[in-house]
Amino acid sequence: MALVKATDTITVIEGYDAVRVFLETVWRRHDKPVDEIAFMLGALKWADGSPVDPTVWQDWLAAVQIAASAGPGEIAAGRSPRCHGVRAR
């Protein structure tokens, strides 16, 4: 497996799975139940080809849209629009 570079691109689904893996890794690193992360991990799991919580998928798509339209470094610099109330179509 090749190392991932910051300039590599992934699909929306791969990004979704990456967030789930990232949260699970952080959760396990703490070696104790963290209710908020455990709740989110449950909502992010796949069941029959879609996330258990369809609202989480819509929130994810909205976040992807915001990140994709913001441009490199805009979100990290705090110059991106907030995603409160934004829904993907």
N, C-alpha and C. Protein backbone atom coordinates (compact mmCIF):
# COMPACT_ATOMS: atom_id res chain seq x y z
N MET A 1 0.84 -1.18 0.00
CA MET A 1 0.00 0.00 0.00
C MET A 1 0.88 1.24 0.00
N ALA A 2 0.65 2.13 -0.93
CA ALA A 2 1.43 3.36 -1.04
C ALA A 2 1.02 4.36 0.05
N LEU A 3 1.97 5.15 0.46
CA LEU A 3 1.66 6.20 1.43
C LEU A 3 0.80 7.28 0.78
N VAL A 4 -0.13 7.79 1.52
CA VAL A 4 -1.02 8.83 1.03
C VAL A 4 -0.32 10.18 1.19
N LYS A 5 -0.44 11.00 0.15
CA LYS A 5 0.10 12.35 0.19
C LYS A 5 -1.04 13.34 0.38
N ALA A 6 -0.73 14.50 0.91
CA ALA A 6 -1.76 15.52 1.15
C ALA A 6 -2.48 15.94 -0.12
N THR A 7 -1.86 15.78 -1.25
CA THR A 7 -2.47 16.19 -2.53
C THR A 7 -3.24 15.07 -3.21
N ASP A 8 -3.24 13.86 -2.66
CA ASP A 8 -4.00 12.75 -3.22
C ASP A 8 -5.50 13.03 -3.10
N THR A 9 -6.27 12.46 -3.99
CA THR A 9 -7.72 12.59 -3.91
C THR A 9 -8.35 11.23 -3.67
N ILE A 10 -9.53 11.27 -3.03
CA ILE A 10 -10.28 10.05 -2.76
C ILE A 10 -11.74 10.33 -3.11
N THR A 11 -12.52 9.27 -3.21
CA THR A 11 -13.94 9.43 -3.49
C THR A 11 -14.68 9.90 -2.24
N VAL A 12 -15.88 10.35 -2.43
CA VAL A 12 -16.73 10.76 -1.31
C VAL A 12 -16.95 9.59 -0.36
N ILE A 13 -17.18 8.41 -0.91
CA ILE A 13 -17.39 7.22 -0.06
C ILE A 13 -16.11 6.87 0.69
N GLU A 14 -14.97 6.93 0.03
CA GLU A 14 -13.69 6.66 0.72
C GLU A 14 -13.46 7.67 1.83
N GLY A 15 -13.82 8.92 1.59
CA GLY A 15 -13.68 9.95 2.61
C GLY A 15 -14.57 9.67 3.81
N TYR A 16 -15.78 9.24 3.54
CA TYR A 16 -16.73 8.88 4.60
C TYR A 16 -16.15 7.75 5.45
N ASP A 17 -15.66 6.71 4.77
CA ASP A 17 -15.06 5.60 5.49
C ASP A 17 -13.81 6.05 6.25
N ALA A 18 -13.04 6.97 5.69
CA ALA A 18 -11.84 7.47 6.36
C ALA A 18 -12.20 8.18 7.66
N VAL A 19 -13.27 8.96 7.64
CA VAL A 19 -13.71 9.64 8.87
C VAL A 19 -14.11 8.62 9.91
N ARG A 20 -14.84 7.60 9.48
CA ARG A 20 -15.27 6.55 10.42
C ARG A 20 -14.07 5.84 11.03
N VAL A 21 -13.09 5.48 10.21
CA VAL A 21 -11.88 4.82 10.69
C VAL A 21 -11.10 5.75 11.63
N PHE A 22 -11.01 7.02 11.26
CA PHE A 22 -10.31 7.99 12.10
C PHE A 22 -10.96 8.10 13.47
N LEU A 23 -12.29 8.25 13.51
CA LEU A 23 -12.98 8.37 14.79
C LEU A 23 -12.82 7.11 15.63
N GLU A 24 -12.90 5.95 14.99
CA GLU A 24 -12.73 4.70 15.73
C GLU A 24 -11.32 4.59 16.29
N THR A 25 -10.32 5.01 15.53
CA THR A 25 -8.93 4.98 16.00
C THR A 25 -8.76 5.87 17.23
N VAL A 26 -9.31 7.07 17.17
CA VAL A 26 -9.22 7.99 18.32
C VAL A 26 -9.94 7.40 19.51
N TRP A 27 -11.12 6.84 19.27
CA TRP A 27 -11.92 6.25 20.33
C TRP A 27 -11.14 5.13 21.03
N ARG A 28 -10.52 4.25 20.25
CA ARG A 28 -9.76 3.14 20.82
C ARG A 28 -8.49 3.62 21.53
N ARG A 29 -7.87 4.65 21.01
CA ARG A 29 -6.65 5.19 21.62
C ARG A 29 -6.91 5.65 23.05
N HIS A 30 -8.10 6.18 23.30
CA HIS A 30 -8.44 6.64 24.65
C HIS A 30 -8.71 5.47 25.58
N ASP A 31 -8.87 4.28 25.01
CA ASP A 31 -9.03 3.04 25.78
C ASP A 31 -10.16 3.10 26.80
N LYS A 32 -11.16 3.85 26.48
CA LYS A 32 -12.34 3.90 27.33
C LYS A 32 -13.51 4.38 26.50
N PRO A 33 -14.72 4.03 26.89
CA PRO A 33 -15.87 4.47 26.10
C PRO A 33 -16.02 5.99 26.15
N VAL A 34 -16.15 6.58 25.01
CA VAL A 34 -16.46 8.00 24.90
C VAL A 34 -17.81 8.06 24.21
N ASP A 35 -18.84 8.36 24.98
CA ASP A 35 -20.22 8.23 24.49
C ASP A 35 -20.47 8.96 23.18
N GLU A 36 -19.96 10.17 23.04
CA GLU A 36 -20.23 10.94 21.84
C GLU A 36 -19.62 10.27 20.61
N ILE A 37 -18.41 9.78 20.72
CA ILE A 37 -17.75 9.13 19.58
C ILE A 37 -18.41 7.78 19.31
N ALA A 38 -18.73 7.03 20.36
CA ALA A 38 -19.38 5.74 20.18
C ALA A 38 -20.73 5.91 19.48
N PHE A 39 -21.47 6.93 19.85
CA PHE A 39 -22.76 7.21 19.21
C PHE A 39 -22.56 7.52 17.73
N MET A 40 -21.58 8.35 17.41
CA MET A 40 -21.32 8.72 16.02
C MET A 40 -20.85 7.52 15.21
N LEU A 41 -19.98 6.69 15.81
CA LEU A 41 -19.52 5.49 15.10
C LEU A 41 -20.69 4.59 14.73
N GLY A 42 -21.64 4.46 15.63
CA GLY A 42 -22.82 3.66 15.33
C GLY A 42 -23.61 4.23 14.17
N ALA A 43 -23.75 5.53 14.12
CA ALA A 43 -24.50 6.19 13.05
C ALA A 43 -23.77 6.10 11.72
N LEU A 44 -22.44 6.02 11.74
CA LEU A 44 -21.64 5.99 10.52
C LEU A 44 -21.53 4.61 9.88
N LYS A 45 -21.89 3.57 10.60
CA LYS A 45 -21.76 2.22 10.05
C LYS A 45 -22.66 2.03 8.84
N TRP A 46 -22.23 1.11 7.97
CA TRP A 46 -23.00 0.79 6.77
C TRP A 46 -23.96 -0.36 7.05
N ALA A 47 -25.15 -0.29 6.49
CA ALA A 47 -26.14 -1.38 6.56
C ALA A 47 -26.88 -1.41 5.24
N ASP A 48 -26.80 -2.51 4.56
CA ASP A 48 -27.48 -2.68 3.27
C ASP A 48 -27.11 -1.60 2.26
N GLY A 49 -25.83 -1.23 2.23
CA GLY A 49 -25.35 -0.29 1.22
C GLY A 49 -25.51 1.18 1.54
N SER A 50 -26.02 1.50 2.72
CA SER A 50 -26.13 2.91 3.10
C SER A 50 -25.87 3.04 4.60
N PRO A 51 -25.52 4.26 5.04
CA PRO A 51 -25.27 4.44 6.47
C PRO A 51 -26.52 4.14 7.31
N VAL A 52 -26.29 3.67 8.52
CA VAL A 52 -27.38 3.36 9.44
C VAL A 52 -28.27 4.59 9.63
N ASP A 53 -27.67 5.75 9.76
CA ASP A 53 -28.40 7.00 9.94
C ASP A 53 -28.30 7.81 8.66
N PRO A 54 -29.35 7.86 7.84
CA PRO A 54 -29.28 8.57 6.56
C PRO A 54 -29.01 10.07 6.73
N THR A 55 -29.37 10.64 7.86
CA THR A 55 -29.11 12.06 8.10
C THR A 55 -27.61 12.32 8.16
N VAL A 56 -26.86 11.38 8.73
CA VAL A 56 -25.40 11.52 8.80
C VAL A 56 -24.81 11.55 7.39
N TRP A 57 -25.35 10.74 6.49
CA TRP A 57 -24.86 10.73 5.11
C TRP A 57 -25.13 12.09 4.45
N GLN A 58 -26.31 12.65 4.66
CA GLN A 58 -26.64 13.96 4.11
C GLN A 58 -25.72 15.04 4.69
N ASP A 59 -25.45 14.96 5.99
CA ASP A 59 -24.51 15.90 6.60
C ASP A 59 -23.12 15.74 6.02
N TRP A 60 -22.73 14.49 5.76
CA TRP A 60 -21.42 14.22 5.17
C TRP A 60 -21.33 14.83 3.77
N LEU A 61 -22.35 14.62 2.95
CA LEU A 61 -22.35 15.18 1.60
C LEU A 61 -22.29 16.71 1.63
N ALA A 62 -22.99 17.32 2.58
CA ALA A 62 -22.94 18.78 2.72
C ALA A 62 -21.53 19.23 3.10
N ALA A 63 -20.89 18.49 4.00
CA ALA A 63 -19.52 18.82 4.41
C ALA A 63 -18.55 18.68 3.24
N VAL A 64 -18.74 17.64 2.44
CA VAL A 64 -17.90 17.44 1.25
C VAL A 64 -18.08 18.60 0.29
N GLN A 65 -19.31 19.02 0.07
CA GLN A 65 -19.59 20.14 -0.83
C GLN A 65 -18.91 21.41 -0.34
N ILE A 66 -19.00 21.68 0.93
CA ILE A 66 -18.37 22.87 1.51
C ILE A 66 -16.86 22.80 1.37
N ALA A 67 -16.30 21.65 1.71
CA ALA A 67 -14.84 21.48 1.61
C ALA A 67 -14.36 21.59 0.18
N ALA A 68 -15.11 20.99 -0.75
CA ALA A 68 -14.70 21.00 -2.16
C ALA A 68 -14.79 22.40 -2.76
N SER A 69 -15.76 23.17 -2.34
CA SER A 69 -15.93 24.51 -2.90
C SER A 69 -15.06 25.55 -2.19
N ALA A 70 -14.56 25.23 -1.01
CA ALA A 70 -13.78 26.20 -0.23
C ALA A 70 -12.39 26.41 -0.81
N GLY A 71 -11.82 25.38 -1.38
CA GLY A 71 -10.46 25.51 -1.89
C GLY A 71 -9.44 25.11 -0.84
N PRO A 72 -8.24 24.77 -1.29
CA PRO A 72 -7.19 24.30 -0.38
C PRO A 72 -6.86 25.32 0.71
N GLY A 73 -6.87 24.87 1.94
CA GLY A 73 -6.46 25.69 3.07
C GLY A 73 -7.50 26.66 3.59
N GLU A 74 -8.62 26.83 2.89
CA GLU A 74 -9.62 27.80 3.31
C GLU A 74 -10.30 27.40 4.62
N ILE A 75 -10.61 26.13 4.76
CA ILE A 75 -11.27 25.67 5.98
C ILE A 75 -10.31 25.77 7.16
N ALA A 76 -9.07 25.30 6.97
CA ALA A 76 -8.07 25.37 8.04
C ALA A 76 -7.80 26.81 8.45
N ALA A 77 -7.89 27.73 7.51
CA ALA A 77 -7.65 29.15 7.80
C ALA A 77 -8.89 29.84 8.36
N GLY A 78 -10.00 29.11 8.48
CA GLY A 78 -11.22 29.68 9.02
C GLY A 78 -11.96 30.58 8.05
N ARG A 79 -11.69 30.45 6.76
CA ARG A 79 -12.34 31.31 5.77
C ARG A 79 -13.41 30.57 4.98
N SER A 80 -13.93 29.51 5.53
CA SER A 80 -14.96 28.74 4.84
C SER A 80 -16.32 29.05 5.45
N PRO A 81 -17.37 29.01 4.65
CA PRO A 81 -18.71 29.20 5.22
C PRO A 81 -19.03 28.07 6.19
N ARG A 82 -19.79 28.37 7.18
CA ARG A 82 -20.20 27.36 8.16
C ARG A 82 -21.20 26.41 7.53
N CYS A 83 -21.24 25.19 8.04
CA CYS A 83 -22.14 24.19 7.46
C CYS A 83 -23.43 24.05 8.28
N HIS A 84 -23.67 24.92 9.25
CA HIS A 84 -24.89 24.82 10.05
C HIS A 84 -26.11 24.93 9.17
N GLY A 85 -26.94 23.91 9.21
CA GLY A 85 -28.18 23.92 8.48
C GLY A 85 -28.06 23.61 6.99
N VAL A 86 -26.87 23.35 6.50
CA VAL A 86 -26.67 23.06 5.07
C VAL A 86 -26.97 21.60 4.82
N ARG A 87 -27.73 21.31 3.80
CA ARG A 87 -28.07 19.94 3.43
C ARG A 87 -27.68 19.70 1.98
N ALA A 88 -27.14 18.52 1.70
CA ALA A 88 -26.83 18.15 0.32
C ALA A 88 -28.13 17.85 -0.40
N ARG A 89 -28.13 18.02 -1.71
CA ARG A 89 -29.33 17.72 -2.51
C ARG A 89 -29.15 16.47 -3.27
